[in-house]
Amino acid sequence: MAFDSIRKFILAGDLPQAIRLFSDFLKKEKKSPEAIRILQVLESQLSAIQQKERKGILDLEESQKAYNKITDAILGLADDLEAGRVPKPLDDMPAAPSKAPWVIGLAILGVLVLIAVFMFRRSNKPTIVQLPPVEQKQQEPKECPDFDERGFRVLLIPFQKLGGDDSKPELGIQTRIRDLTKRNNVDTDVKILKGNRFSDSTPDDDEANKTGKICQADMVIWGQYENEPTGISVDVRYVFTQNPNFSSGSSIEKFKNLTELKSNQMKFNSLEQAVFSLCTMMALHEGNTPLAEKWLDKIEKPTKEMLKIRKMLKEGK
């Protein structure tokens, strides 16, 4: 199905290819000129965002918001057409931020410099202003996203590219986890770490755990990826910052010493399988065995860790 292929490209973070495939399908089938127009607008917006990223005038937080809006727009359009509904108009386009704040900032800076020069020339003695000492912090506070006050908090650290074309697998993982948890009435907030502290090196478990605790996240997901001719290959890692949420005396307590409920590393050739595996561990960590089993059954090629957990769940019945 064309719509399934489109969603796979979105999940892999390859929005340009998803838009191209979507447009080609609609043109070939001679369907919905309005949907084709919407895709053309989205493609233009995506190109503008990527240009600003290359020029370095778009920070990570703004970039992620813009990509998320485009992702939601494509998924919504696919859902509408697949269900036979008339496509919704794009009332709120994910436009890339303008340069106006930069221009205003530079203008204000210029005025302040002129005032400082004028005051300096008028004064015979320079005035030394002592500033209060700056409190040293563990990391830049702006690095942490704003999580909701309630629910399970998942922090995604941007994945490192090992080879092939650029992609953003963390966006696909974020979108899919949000979708799965929402459908199953699980209160979950999934956010991406800001900044580029880990752009040159992949964090180890201790670094990821420390970052997660500072940002008040319950689970941290990160890793590496490589785009290959047959698809994307991802090395996914995760760590829980808190102990498992098990009820005292329950049958699930036998899982409390499971190392996979602390941290683990798994390799996949599909982001879909990676997401189901991550969500399985999330549900198990929170003591929700029925949901863990449901998501575990969706994994087509489970890892040895997932097979071990499946066996333990069946033995507990």
Protein backbone atom coordinates (compact mmCIF):
# COMPACT_ATOMS: atom_id res chain seq x y z
CA MET A 1 0.00 0.00 0.00
CA ALA A 2 1.29 3.45 -0.92
CA PHE A 3 0.14 4.98 2.37
CA ASP A 4 2.08 2.38 4.37
CA SER A 5 5.23 3.17 2.38
CA ILE A 6 4.72 6.89 2.99
CA ARG A 7 4.40 6.32 6.74
CA LYS A 8 7.58 4.20 6.76
CA PHE A 9 9.57 7.05 5.21
CA ILE A 10 8.08 9.47 7.78
CA LEU A 11 8.97 7.10 10.60
CA ALA A 12 12.54 6.93 9.26
CA GLY A 13 12.70 10.75 9.32
CA ASP A 14 12.97 11.00 5.51
CA LEU A 15 10.34 13.68 4.92
CA PRO A 16 11.53 14.70 1.41
CA GLN A 17 11.17 11.13 0.13
CA ALA A 18 7.78 10.78 1.86
CA ILE A 19 6.49 13.92 0.12
CA ARG A 20 7.86 12.84 -3.28
CA LEU A 21 6.31 9.38 -2.99
CA PHE A 22 2.99 10.86 -1.85
CA SER A 23 2.90 13.38 -4.73
CA ASP A 24 3.85 10.79 -7.36
CA PHE A 25 1.13 8.44 -6.09
CA LEU A 26 -1.56 11.14 -6.22
CA LYS A 27 -0.52 12.29 -9.70
CA LYS A 28 -0.44 8.73 -11.01
CA GLU A 29 -3.85 7.92 -9.58
CA LYS A 30 -5.17 11.37 -10.59
CA LYS A 31 -6.46 11.96 -7.09
CA SER A 32 -7.17 15.14 -5.11
CA PRO A 33 -5.52 18.18 -6.76
CA GLU A 34 -6.00 19.94 -3.41
CA ALA A 35 -3.85 17.31 -1.66
CA ILE A 36 -1.13 17.74 -4.33
CA ARG A 37 -1.18 21.49 -3.73
CA ILE A 38 -0.85 20.95 0.03
CA LEU A 39 2.16 18.67 -0.53
CA GLN A 40 3.78 21.28 -2.79
CA VAL A 41 3.42 23.87 -0.02
CA LEU A 42 4.84 21.46 2.56
CA GLU A 43 7.77 20.67 0.27
CA SER A 44 8.49 24.38 -0.10
CA GLN A 45 8.37 24.88 3.66
CA LEU A 46 10.64 21.88 4.23
CA SER A 47 13.17 23.24 1.73
CA ALA A 48 13.16 26.63 3.49
CA ILE A 49 13.77 24.98 6.87
CA GLN A 50 16.68 22.92 5.53
CA GLN A 51 18.27 25.99 3.93
CA LYS A 52 18.11 27.88 7.22
CA GLU A 53 19.65 24.87 9.01
CA ARG A 54 22.56 24.83 6.56
CA LYS A 55 23.12 28.55 7.09
CA GLY A 56 23.08 28.07 10.85
CA ILE A 57 20.26 30.58 11.46
CA LEU A 58 17.77 28.08 12.85
CA ASP A 59 18.29 26.58 16.30
CA LEU A 60 17.48 22.96 17.14
CA GLU A 61 14.28 23.66 19.08
CA GLU A 62 12.74 25.73 16.27
CA SER A 63 13.87 23.16 13.72
CA GLN A 64 12.23 20.29 15.63
CA LYS A 65 8.97 22.19 16.01
CA ALA A 66 8.89 22.92 12.27
CA TYR A 67 9.69 19.29 11.33
CA ASN A 68 7.02 18.02 13.73
CA LYS A 69 4.38 20.29 12.17
CA ILE A 70 5.24 19.06 8.68
CA THR A 71 5.21 15.44 9.88
CA ASP A 72 1.78 15.89 11.47
CA ALA A 73 0.47 17.58 8.30
CA ILE A 74 1.62 14.70 6.04
CA LEU A 75 0.24 12.03 8.39
CA GLY A 76 -3.08 13.88 8.68
CA LEU A 77 -3.32 14.20 4.92
CA ALA A 78 -2.61 10.48 4.46
CA ASP A 79 -5.23 9.57 7.08
CA ASP A 80 -7.85 11.79 5.41
CA LEU A 81 -7.30 10.37 1.93
CA GLU A 82 -7.11 6.78 3.12
CA ALA A 83 -10.42 7.22 4.97
CA GLY A 84 -12.03 8.91 1.95
CA ARG A 85 -12.28 12.30 3.67
CA VAL A 86 -11.75 15.68 2.05
CA PRO A 87 -8.25 16.97 2.97
CA LYS A 88 -8.22 19.66 5.63
CA PRO A 89 -6.77 23.04 4.58
CA LEU A 90 -3.40 24.06 5.96
CA ASP A 91 -4.49 26.80 8.35
CA ASP A 92 -1.28 26.74 10.35
CA MET A 93 1.70 26.14 8.10
CA PRO A 94 4.97 25.01 9.71
CA ALA A 95 6.85 28.00 8.42
CA ALA A 96 10.49 28.48 9.25
CA PRO A 97 11.13 31.34 11.67
CA SER A 98 11.91 34.69 10.08
CA LYS A 99 15.10 36.63 10.47
CA ALA A 100 13.29 39.56 12.10
CA PRO A 101 14.41 38.72 15.68
CA TRP A 102 18.06 38.65 14.52
CA VAL A 103 17.76 41.98 12.78
CA ILE A 104 16.08 43.61 15.79
CA GLY A 105 18.68 42.13 18.13
CA LEU A 106 21.55 43.49 16.05
CA ALA A 107 19.92 46.91 15.90
CA ILE A 108 19.51 47.02 19.69
CA LEU A 109 23.11 45.90 20.15
CA GLY A 110 24.29 48.69 17.86
CA VAL A 111 22.39 51.31 19.85
CA LEU A 112 23.82 49.99 23.13
CA VAL A 113 27.36 50.16 21.73
CA LEU A 114 26.87 53.81 20.66
CA ILE A 115 25.53 54.72 24.11
CA ALA A 116 28.45 52.97 25.80
CA VAL A 117 31.00 54.85 23.64
CA PHE A 118 29.27 58.18 24.34
CA MET A 119 29.22 57.61 28.12
CA PHE A 120 32.84 56.51 28.11
CA ARG A 121 33.99 59.68 26.38
CA ARG A 122 32.09 61.85 28.87
CA SER A 123 33.58 60.15 31.88
CA ASN A 124 37.15 60.95 33.06
CA LYS A 125 37.27 57.91 35.28
CA PRO A 126 36.03 54.56 34.20
CA THR A 127 33.44 53.02 36.44
CA ILE A 128 34.04 49.41 37.31
CA VAL A 129 30.85 47.49 37.91
CA GLN A 130 31.25 44.28 39.87
CA LEU A 131 28.81 41.62 38.80
CA PRO A 132 27.65 38.92 41.21
CA PRO A 133 29.35 35.57 40.70
CA VAL A 134 27.62 33.31 38.22
CA GLU A 135 26.47 30.06 39.74
CA GLN A 136 28.04 27.09 37.98
CA LYS A 137 25.49 24.60 36.68
CA GLN A 138 25.87 21.03 35.59
CA GLN A 139 24.80 21.85 32.05
CA GLU A 140 23.10 24.53 29.99
CA PRO A 141 19.51 24.71 31.37
CA LYS A 142 18.10 25.50 27.94
CA GLU A 143 19.21 22.03 26.88
CA CYS A 144 16.31 20.36 28.69
CA PRO A 145 12.89 20.41 27.00
CA ASP A 146 9.75 21.49 28.84
CA PHE A 147 8.00 18.30 29.94
CA ASP A 148 4.40 18.06 31.08
CA GLU A 149 4.06 17.93 34.84
CA ARG A 150 2.38 14.53 34.83
CA GLY A 151 2.79 11.27 32.96
CA PHE A 152 5.80 9.19 31.88
CA ARG A 153 8.57 11.39 30.47
CA VAL A 154 10.75 10.16 27.61
CA LEU A 155 13.84 12.12 26.56
CA LEU A 156 15.29 11.51 23.08
CA ILE A 157 18.90 12.47 22.40
CA PRO A 158 19.43 13.13 18.64
CA PHE A 159 20.90 10.06 16.94
CA GLN A 160 24.38 10.12 15.39
CA LYS A 161 24.83 9.31 11.71
CA LEU A 162 27.33 6.58 10.86
CA GLY A 163 26.88 6.70 7.07
CA GLY A 164 24.51 7.29 4.19
CA ASP A 165 22.06 10.15 3.77
CA ASP A 166 21.07 12.45 6.59
CA SER A 167 17.98 11.44 8.49
CA LYS A 168 16.30 12.24 11.80
CA PRO A 169 15.24 8.89 13.30
CA GLU A 170 14.55 10.53 16.66
CA LEU A 171 11.64 12.40 15.06
CA GLY A 172 10.14 9.18 13.73
CA ILE A 173 10.58 7.48 17.11
CA GLN A 174 9.03 10.48 18.87
CA THR A 175 5.99 10.52 16.58
CA ARG A 176 5.39 6.77 16.79
CA ILE A 177 5.74 6.52 20.59
CA ARG A 178 3.31 9.42 20.96
CA ASP A 179 0.88 7.69 18.62
CA LEU A 180 1.10 4.27 20.31
CA THR A 181 0.78 5.57 23.87
CA LYS A 182 -2.09 7.92 22.99
CA ARG A 183 -4.05 5.10 21.32
CA ASN A 184 -3.64 2.99 24.44
CA ASN A 185 -4.50 5.80 26.88
CA VAL A 186 -1.00 5.96 28.38
CA ASP A 187 -0.08 9.43 29.60
CA THR A 188 3.35 9.95 28.00
CA ASP A 189 5.34 13.03 27.04
CA VAL A 190 8.12 12.49 24.49
CA LYS A 191 10.57 15.34 23.92
CA ILE A 192 13.96 15.79 22.19
CA LEU A 193 17.06 17.16 23.93
CA LYS A 194 17.99 20.65 22.73
CA GLY A 195 21.44 21.78 21.66
CA ASN A 196 24.26 19.77 20.09
CA ARG A 197 26.27 18.57 23.11
CA PHE A 198 26.30 15.01 21.79
CA SER A 199 26.67 15.81 18.09
CA ASP A 200 30.29 14.56 17.98
CA SER A 201 30.13 11.66 20.41
CA THR A 202 27.53 9.13 21.49
CA PRO A 203 26.89 9.30 25.26
CA ASP A 204 27.42 6.23 27.43
CA ASP A 205 24.82 4.96 29.89
CA ASP A 206 26.10 7.12 32.75
CA GLU A 207 26.06 10.31 30.67
CA ALA A 208 22.59 9.59 29.34
CA ASN A 209 21.29 8.71 32.81
CA LYS A 210 22.77 11.89 34.30
CA THR A 211 21.26 14.01 31.51
CA GLY A 212 17.88 12.32 31.97
CA LYS A 213 17.86 13.00 35.71
CA ILE A 214 18.81 16.65 35.23
CA CYS A 215 15.97 17.03 32.71
CA GLN A 216 13.62 15.07 35.02
CA ALA A 217 12.98 12.35 32.43
CA ASP A 218 11.95 8.80 33.32
CA MET A 219 13.51 7.20 30.24
CA VAL A 220 16.29 8.31 27.88
CA ILE A 221 16.62 6.98 24.31
CA TRP A 222 19.57 7.61 22.00
CA GLY A 223 21.83 5.82 19.53
CA GLN A 224 23.29 5.73 16.04
CA TYR A 225 21.90 5.15 12.55
CA GLU A 226 23.03 4.38 9.03
CA ASN A 227 20.96 4.72 5.86
CA GLU A 228 21.57 1.73 3.60
CA PRO A 229 20.14 0.86 0.15
CA THR A 230 17.73 -1.59 1.79
CA GLY A 231 16.59 0.86 4.47
CA ILE A 232 17.68 2.35 7.76
CA SER A 233 19.78 0.49 10.32
CA VAL A 234 19.57 1.76 13.91
CA ASP A 235 21.56 0.99 17.03
CA VAL A 236 19.12 1.97 19.78
CA ARG A 237 20.09 2.47 23.41
CA TYR A 238 17.96 3.35 26.39
CA VAL A 239 18.20 3.84 30.14
CA PHE A 240 15.58 4.28 32.86
CA THR A 241 16.40 6.93 35.45
CA GLN A 242 14.09 5.43 38.12
CA ASN A 243 13.47 1.97 39.54
CA PRO A 244 10.61 -0.10 38.04
CA ASN A 245 7.13 0.92 39.18
CA PHE A 246 5.90 -2.43 40.53
CA SER A 247 3.21 -3.01 43.15
CA SER A 248 4.53 -4.77 46.23
CA GLY A 249 3.73 -8.49 46.25
CA SER A 250 2.58 -8.59 42.60
CA SER A 251 3.62 -11.40 40.25
CA ILE A 252 5.52 -8.92 38.09
CA GLU A 253 8.07 -8.42 40.88
CA LYS A 254 10.08 -11.27 39.36
CA PHE A 255 11.12 -8.75 36.67
CA LYS A 256 12.58 -6.23 39.14
CA ASN A 257 16.15 -7.52 38.78
CA LEU A 258 15.94 -7.74 34.99
CA THR A 259 18.88 -5.77 33.59
CA GLU A 260 16.78 -4.71 30.59
CA LEU A 261 14.63 -2.68 33.00
CA LYS A 262 17.67 -0.54 33.78
CA SER A 263 19.35 -0.09 30.41
CA ASN A 264 20.00 -1.94 27.17
CA GLN A 265 21.29 -1.71 23.60
CA MET A 266 19.46 -3.21 20.60
CA LYS A 267 20.01 -3.20 16.84
CA PHE A 268 17.18 -3.02 14.29
CA ASN A 269 16.65 -2.71 10.54
CA SER A 270 13.28 -1.06 11.10
CA LEU A 271 12.29 1.89 13.26
CA GLU A 272 8.84 0.31 13.63
CA GLN A 273 10.35 -2.72 15.38
CA ALA A 274 12.58 -0.47 17.49
CA VAL A 275 9.59 1.54 18.69
CA PHE A 276 7.54 -1.54 19.62
CA SER A 277 10.52 -2.91 21.57
CA LEU A 278 11.05 0.40 23.40
CA CYS A 279 7.34 0.70 24.21
CA THR A 280 7.30 -2.91 25.47
CA MET A 281 10.08 -2.10 27.95
CA MET A 282 8.34 1.13 28.94
CA ALA A 283 5.07 -0.71 29.71
CA LEU A 284 6.90 -3.46 31.61
CA HIS A 285 8.86 -0.88 33.63
CA GLU A 286 5.56 0.70 34.68
CA GLY A 287 4.06 -2.68 35.64
CA ASN A 288 1.58 -2.83 32.74
CA THR A 289 2.08 -6.44 31.61
CA PRO A 290 -1.03 -6.66 29.36
CA LEU A 291 0.18 -3.70 27.32
CA ALA A 292 3.75 -5.04 27.31
CA GLU A 293 2.49 -8.32 25.86
CA LYS A 294 0.35 -6.50 23.28
CA TRP A 295 3.30 -4.49 21.97
CA LEU A 296 5.68 -7.44 22.23
CA ASP A 297 3.41 -9.44 19.90
CA LYS A 298 3.77 -6.68 17.28
CA ILE A 299 7.53 -7.31 16.97
CA GLU A 300 8.11 -9.38 13.83
CA LYS A 301 11.75 -10.24 14.56
CA PRO A 302 12.23 -9.96 18.34
CA THR A 303 15.74 -9.72 19.75
CA LYS A 304 17.00 -12.31 22.21
CA GLU A 305 16.12 -9.92 25.03
CA MET A 306 12.54 -9.64 23.80
CA LEU A 307 12.28 -13.44 23.43
CA LYS A 308 13.45 -13.85 27.03
CA ILE A 309 10.84 -11.38 28.26
CA ARG A 310 8.10 -13.06 26.21
CA LYS A 311 8.98 -16.38 27.85
CA MET A 312 8.90 -14.83 31.34
CA LEU A 313 5.51 -13.23 30.67
CA LYS A 314 4.03 -16.52 29.47
CA GLU A 315 5.43 -18.39 32.49
CA GLY A 316 3.80 -15.85 34.79
CA LYS A 317 0.28 -16.64 33.54
